[in-house]
C-alpha atoms as a PDB file:
ATOM      1  CA  MET A   1      31.130 -14.410 -17.576  1.00  0.00           C
ATOM      2  CA  THR A   2      30.922 -17.574 -15.478  1.00  0.00           C
ATOM      3  CA  ILE A   3      28.606 -18.037 -12.491  1.00  0.00           C
ATOM      4  CA  ARG A   4      29.275 -20.935 -10.140  1.00  0.00           C
ATOM      5  CA  LYS A   5      29.147 -22.079  -6.534  1.00  0.00           C
ATOM      6  CA  PRO A   6      32.051 -20.636  -4.586  1.00  0.00           C
ATOM      7  CA  SER A   7      34.645 -22.763  -2.821  1.00  0.00           C
ATOM      8  CA  SER A   8      36.927 -22.065   0.114  1.00  0.00           C
ATOM      9  CA  LEU A   9      39.595 -21.046  -2.401  1.00  0.00           C
ATOM     10  CA  ASP A  10      37.432 -18.003  -3.280  1.00  0.00           C
ATOM     11  CA  GLY A  11      37.405 -16.467   0.213  1.00  0.00           C
ATOM     12  CA  MET A  12      40.158 -13.920  -0.384  1.00  0.00           C
ATOM     13  CA  ALA A  13      38.767 -12.961  -3.799  1.00  0.00           C
ATOM     14  CA  LEU A  14      35.431 -12.261  -2.099  1.00  0.00           C
ATOM     15  CA  ASN A  15      37.170 -10.191   0.558  1.00  0.00           C
ATOM     16  CA  GLN A  16      38.833  -8.131  -2.198  1.00  0.00           C
ATOM     17  CA  LEU A  17      35.590  -7.740  -4.162  1.00  0.00           C
ATOM     18  CA  VAL A  18      33.652  -6.418  -1.162  1.00  0.00           C
ATOM     19  CA  SER A  19      36.446  -3.933  -0.421  1.00  0.00           C
ATOM     20  CA  GLU A  20      36.030  -2.613  -3.995  1.00  0.00           C
ATOM     21  CA  CYS A  21      32.234  -2.234  -3.672  1.00  0.00           C
ATOM     22  CA  PRO A  22      31.531   0.592  -1.243  1.00  0.00           C
ATOM     23  CA  PRO A  23      29.281   1.183   0.606  1.00  0.00           C
ATOM     24  CA  LEU A  24      28.983  -2.571   1.301  1.00  0.00           C
ATOM     25  CA  ASP A  25      29.802  -3.523   4.863  1.00  0.00           C
ATOM     26  CA  PRO A  26      33.110  -5.402   4.876  1.00  0.00           C
ATOM     27  CA  ASN A  27      33.441  -8.670   6.742  1.00  0.00           C
ATOM     28  CA  SER A  28      36.609 -10.337   7.974  1.00  0.00           C
ATOM     29  CA  ALA A  29      38.564 -12.499   5.559  1.00  0.00           C
ATOM     30  CA  TYR A  30      37.644 -15.465   7.745  1.00  0.00           C
ATOM     31  CA  CYS A  31      33.928 -14.642   7.504  1.00  0.00           C
ATOM     32  CA  ASN A  32      34.246 -14.465   3.714  1.00  0.00           C
ATOM     33  CA  LEU A  33      36.046 -17.804   3.704  1.00  0.00           C
ATOM     34  CA  LEU A  34      33.199 -19.372   5.706  1.00  0.00           C
ATOM     35  CA  GLN A  35      30.621 -17.866   3.339  1.00  0.00           C
ATOM     36  CA  CYS A  36      32.381 -19.543   0.419  1.00  0.00           C
ATOM     37  CA  HIS A  37      32.864 -22.843   2.228  1.00  0.00           C
ATOM     38  CA  HIS A  38      29.869 -23.423   4.529  1.00  0.00           C
ATOM     39  CA  PHE A  39      27.241 -21.572   2.514  1.00  0.00           C
ATOM     40  CA  ASN A  40      28.288 -22.399  -1.043  1.00  0.00           C
ATOM     41  CA  GLU A  41      24.892 -23.969  -1.895  1.00  0.00           C
ATOM     42  CA  THR A  42      23.213 -20.635  -1.154  1.00  0.00           C
ATOM     43  CA  ALA A  43      25.880 -18.421  -2.699  1.00  0.00           C
ATOM     44  CA  ALA A  44      27.008 -17.565  -6.205  1.00  0.00           C
ATOM     45  CA  ALA A  45      30.312 -16.255  -7.508  1.00  0.00           C
ATOM     46  CA  ALA A  46      30.674 -14.581 -10.900  1.00  0.00           C
ATOM     47  CA  PHE A  47      33.979 -14.411 -12.731  1.00  0.00           C
ATOM     48  CA  GLU A  48      35.351 -12.641 -15.780  1.00  0.00           C
ATOM     49  CA  GLY A  49      38.333 -14.817 -16.493  1.00  0.00           C
ATOM     50  CA  GLU A  50      40.074 -15.283 -13.142  1.00  0.00           C
ATOM     51  CA  LYS A  51      38.672 -12.107 -11.556  1.00  0.00           C
ATOM     52  CA  MET A  52      35.672 -12.335  -9.240  1.00  0.00           C
ATOM     53  CA  VAL A  53      33.276  -9.579 -10.327  1.00  0.00           C
ATOM     54  CA  GLY A  54      30.132 -10.634  -8.479  1.00  0.00           C
ATOM     55  CA  PHE A  55      29.031 -12.508  -5.407  1.00  0.00           C
ATOM     56  CA  ILE A  56      25.819 -13.263  -3.546  1.00  0.00           C
ATOM     57  CA  SER A  57      25.953 -14.654  -0.045  1.00  0.00           C
ATOM     58  CA  GLY A  58      22.902 -16.134   1.568  1.00  0.00           C
ATOM     59  CA  TYR A  59      21.544 -18.864   3.777  1.00  0.00           C
ATOM     60  CA  ILE A  60      18.340 -20.738   4.497  1.00  0.00           C
ATOM     61  CA  LEU A  61      16.583 -19.250   7.516  1.00  0.00           C
ATOM     62  CA  PRO A  62      16.718 -21.790  10.367  1.00  0.00           C
ATOM     63  CA  ALA A  63      13.148 -21.005  11.462  1.00  0.00           C
ATOM     64  CA  ALA A  64      11.807 -20.897   7.884  1.00  0.00           C
ATOM     65  CA  PRO A  65      13.373 -23.599   5.684  1.00  0.00           C
ATOM     66  CA  ASN A  66      11.379 -22.360   2.680  1.00  0.00           C
ATOM     67  CA  THR A  67      13.122 -18.959   2.795  1.00  0.00           C
ATOM     68  CA  LEU A  68      16.480 -17.970   1.365  1.00  0.00           C
ATOM     69  CA  PHE A  69      17.916 -14.936   3.128  1.00  0.00           C
ATOM     70  CA  VAL A  70      20.243 -12.960   0.851  1.00  0.00           C
ATOM     71  CA  TRP A  71      22.875 -11.450   3.096  1.00  0.00           C
ATOM     72  CA  GLN A  72      24.897  -9.454   0.602  1.00  0.00           C
ATOM     73  CA  ILE A  73      25.187  -8.805  -3.121  1.00  0.00           C
ATOM     74  CA  ALA A  74      28.444  -7.452  -4.476  1.00  0.00           C
ATOM     75  CA  VAL A  75      28.892  -6.498  -8.128  1.00  0.00           C
ATOM     76  CA  HIS A  76      32.133  -4.864  -9.211  1.00  0.00           C
ATOM     77  CA  SER A  77      31.724  -1.546 -11.039  1.00  0.00           C
ATOM     78  CA  SER A  78      33.149  -3.170 -14.193  1.00  0.00           C
ATOM     79  CA  ALA A  79      30.238  -5.645 -14.264  1.00  0.00           C
ATOM     80  CA  ARG A  80      27.313  -3.388 -13.379  1.00  0.00           C
ATOM     81  CA  GLY A  81      24.404  -2.696 -15.682  1.00  0.00           C
ATOM     82  CA  CYS A  82      24.210  -6.124 -17.318  1.00  0.00           C
ATOM     83  CA  GLY A  83      21.781  -7.857 -14.944  1.00  0.00           C
ATOM     84  CA  LEU A  84      24.469  -9.861 -13.169  1.00  0.00           C
ATOM     85  CA  ALA A  85      22.814  -9.725  -9.738  1.00  0.00           C
ATOM     86  CA  GLY A  86      19.583 -11.144 -11.145  1.00  0.00           C
ATOM     87  CA  ARG A  87      21.429 -13.892 -13.013  1.00  0.00           C
ATOM     88  CA  MET A  88      23.296 -14.889  -9.843  1.00  0.00           C
ATOM     89  CA  LEU A  89      20.008 -15.024  -7.890  1.00  0.00           C
ATOM     90  CA  GLU A  90      18.446 -17.233 -10.550  1.00  0.00           C
ATOM     91  CA  ALA A  91      21.522 -19.502 -10.562  1.00  0.00           C
ATOM     92  CA  ILE A  92      21.106 -20.059  -6.824  1.00  0.00           C
ATOM     93  CA  LEU A  93      17.358 -20.676  -7.069  1.00  0.00           C
ATOM     94  CA  GLU A  94      17.849 -23.274  -9.837  1.00  0.00           C
ATOM     95  CA  ARG A  95      19.916 -25.546  -7.583  1.00  0.00           C
ATOM     96  CA  GLU A  96      18.360 -28.799  -6.453  1.00  0.00           C
ATOM     97  CA  ALA A  97      19.306 -28.001  -2.843  1.00  0.00           C
ATOM     98  CA  LEU A  98      16.939 -25.012  -2.968  1.00  0.00           C
ATOM     99  CA  ALA A  99      13.950 -26.826  -4.478  1.00  0.00           C
ATOM    100  CA  GLY A 100      11.947 -26.185  -1.303  1.00  0.00           C
ATOM    101  CA  VAL A 101      12.537 -22.439  -1.286  1.00  0.00           C
ATOM    102  CA  SER A 102       9.475 -20.354  -2.093  1.00  0.00           C
ATOM    103  CA  PHE A 103      10.513 -17.002  -0.612  1.00  0.00           C
ATOM    104  CA  ILE A 104      13.563 -14.753  -0.670  1.00  0.00           C
ATOM    105  CA  GLN A 105      14.214 -12.190   2.018  1.00  0.00           C
ATOM    106  CA  THR A 106      16.882  -9.520   2.202  1.00  0.00           C
ATOM    107  CA  THR A 107      17.480  -6.224   3.913  1.00  0.00           C
ATOM    108  CA  ILE A 108      18.116  -3.056   1.927  1.00  0.00           C
ATOM    109  CA  SER A 109      18.708   0.517   3.029  1.00  0.00           C
ATOM    110  CA  PRO A 110      15.934   2.889   1.910  1.00  0.00           C
ATOM    111  CA  GLY A 111      18.242   4.838  -0.412  1.00  0.00           C
ATOM    112  CA  ASN A 112      19.661   1.797  -2.222  1.00  0.00           C
ATOM    113  CA  GLU A 113      17.468   1.945  -5.328  1.00  0.00           C
ATOM    114  CA  ALA A 114      19.732  -0.354  -7.341  1.00  0.00           C
ATOM    115  CA  SER A 115      19.334  -3.241  -4.887  1.00  0.00           C
ATOM    116  CA  GLN A 116      15.613  -2.639  -4.576  1.00  0.00           C
ATOM    117  CA  ALA A 117      15.347  -2.809  -8.373  1.00  0.00           C
ATOM    118  CA  VAL A 118      17.067  -6.225  -8.437  1.00  0.00           C
ATOM    119  CA  PHE A 119      14.391  -7.702  -6.181  1.00  0.00           C
ATOM    120  CA  ARG A 120      11.505  -5.935  -7.943  1.00  0.00           C
ATOM    121  CA  LYS A 121      12.730  -7.434 -11.228  1.00  0.00           C
ATOM    122  CA  LEU A 122      12.957 -10.867  -9.644  1.00  0.00           C
ATOM    123  CA  ALA A 123       9.383 -10.564  -8.339  1.00  0.00           C
ATOM    124  CA  ASN A 124       8.158  -9.487 -11.788  1.00  0.00           C
ATOM    125  CA  LYS A 125      10.055 -12.270 -13.559  1.00  0.00           C
ATOM    126  CA  ARG A 126       8.626 -14.879 -11.197  1.00  0.00           C
ATOM    127  CA  ASP A 127       5.156 -13.302 -11.312  1.00  0.00           C
ATOM    128  CA  THR A 128       4.932 -12.915  -7.550  1.00  0.00           C
ATOM    129  CA  HIS A 129       4.675 -10.313  -4.824  1.00  0.00           C
ATOM    130  CA  ILE A 130       7.241  -8.144  -3.084  1.00  0.00           C
ATOM    131  CA  ARG A 131       6.684  -6.356   0.172  1.00  0.00           C
ATOM    132  CA  SER A 132       8.858  -4.341   2.498  1.00  0.00           C
ATOM    133  CA  GLU A 133       8.782  -3.382   6.145  1.00  0.00           C
ATOM    134  CA  MET A 134      11.149  -1.816   8.643  1.00  0.00           C
ATOM    135  CA  LEU A 135      13.378  -4.433  10.277  1.00  0.00           C
ATOM    136  CA  PHE A 136      16.377  -2.655  11.785  1.00  0.00           C
ATOM    137  CA  GLY A 137      16.265   1.033  12.645  1.00  0.00           C
ATOM    138  CA  LYS A 138      19.192   3.419  12.351  1.00  0.00           C
ATOM    139  CA  ASP A 139      18.794   4.672  15.910  1.00  0.00           C
ATOM    140  CA  THR A 140      17.132   1.635  17.487  1.00  0.00           C
ATOM    141  CA  HIS A 141      19.589  -1.023  16.294  1.00  0.00           C
ATOM    142  CA  PHE A 142      22.663   0.794  14.969  1.00  0.00           C
ATOM    143  CA  ASN A 143      23.087   3.681  17.437  1.00  0.00           C
ATOM    144  CA  GLY A 144      22.918   6.061  14.480  1.00  0.00           C
ATOM    145  CA  ALA A 145      25.997   4.524  12.817  1.00  0.00           C
ATOM    146  CA  HIS A 146      24.193   2.737   9.941  1.00  0.00           C
ATOM    147  CA  ASP A 147      21.170   3.434   7.768  1.00  0.00           C
ATOM    148  CA  ASP A 148      17.804   1.801   8.415  1.00  0.00           C
ATOM    149  CA  GLU A 149      17.431  -1.678   6.961  1.00  0.00           C
ATOM    150  CA  LEU A 150      14.129  -2.584   5.343  1.00  0.00           C
ATOM    151  CA  LEU A 151      13.163  -6.241   5.088  1.00  0.00           C
ATOM    152  CA  PHE A 152      12.103  -7.142   1.535  1.00  0.00           C
ATOM    153  CA  THR A 153      10.223 -10.400   0.982  1.00  0.00           C
ATOM    154  CA  VAL A 154       9.726 -11.823  -2.512  1.00  0.00           C
ATOM    155  CA  GLY A 155       7.308 -14.696  -3.019  1.00  0.00           C
ATOM    156  CA  PRO A 156       5.795 -17.127  -2.947  1.00  0.00           C
ATOM    157  CA  PHE A 157       7.155 -18.677  -6.118  1.00  0.00           C
END
């Protein structure tokens, strides 16, 4: 398996991957293209041969340049259970462009134990803290159409 920065040529592969990873929220093909092009320093794409099997999209928070916000993690069912999400996170954090990052934030629905486990493992590996708090409420922010989203913060590291 190869993990690398994405390029604009990976936009449609990302769009396909997300469509194969329910219950992830799909984005437009154009949004996925921009993630691969504009945010490639804060993203990682994993491939088995020519097939994209994993992707992390993220960005540096404008108001907190020491914080990487992980927008979405997609791992194809064929690549689950081997620690791929954690390896992609580490690949991003090892980049020179992220040398000033000392926190990661992400939002996770309360029932998504697999995603929560990825960030707990990262906190343990980096010997740091993890905390969570309500950020977006099902009824308050999503009119009942989406689960709550808890904000998880890992760091400092």
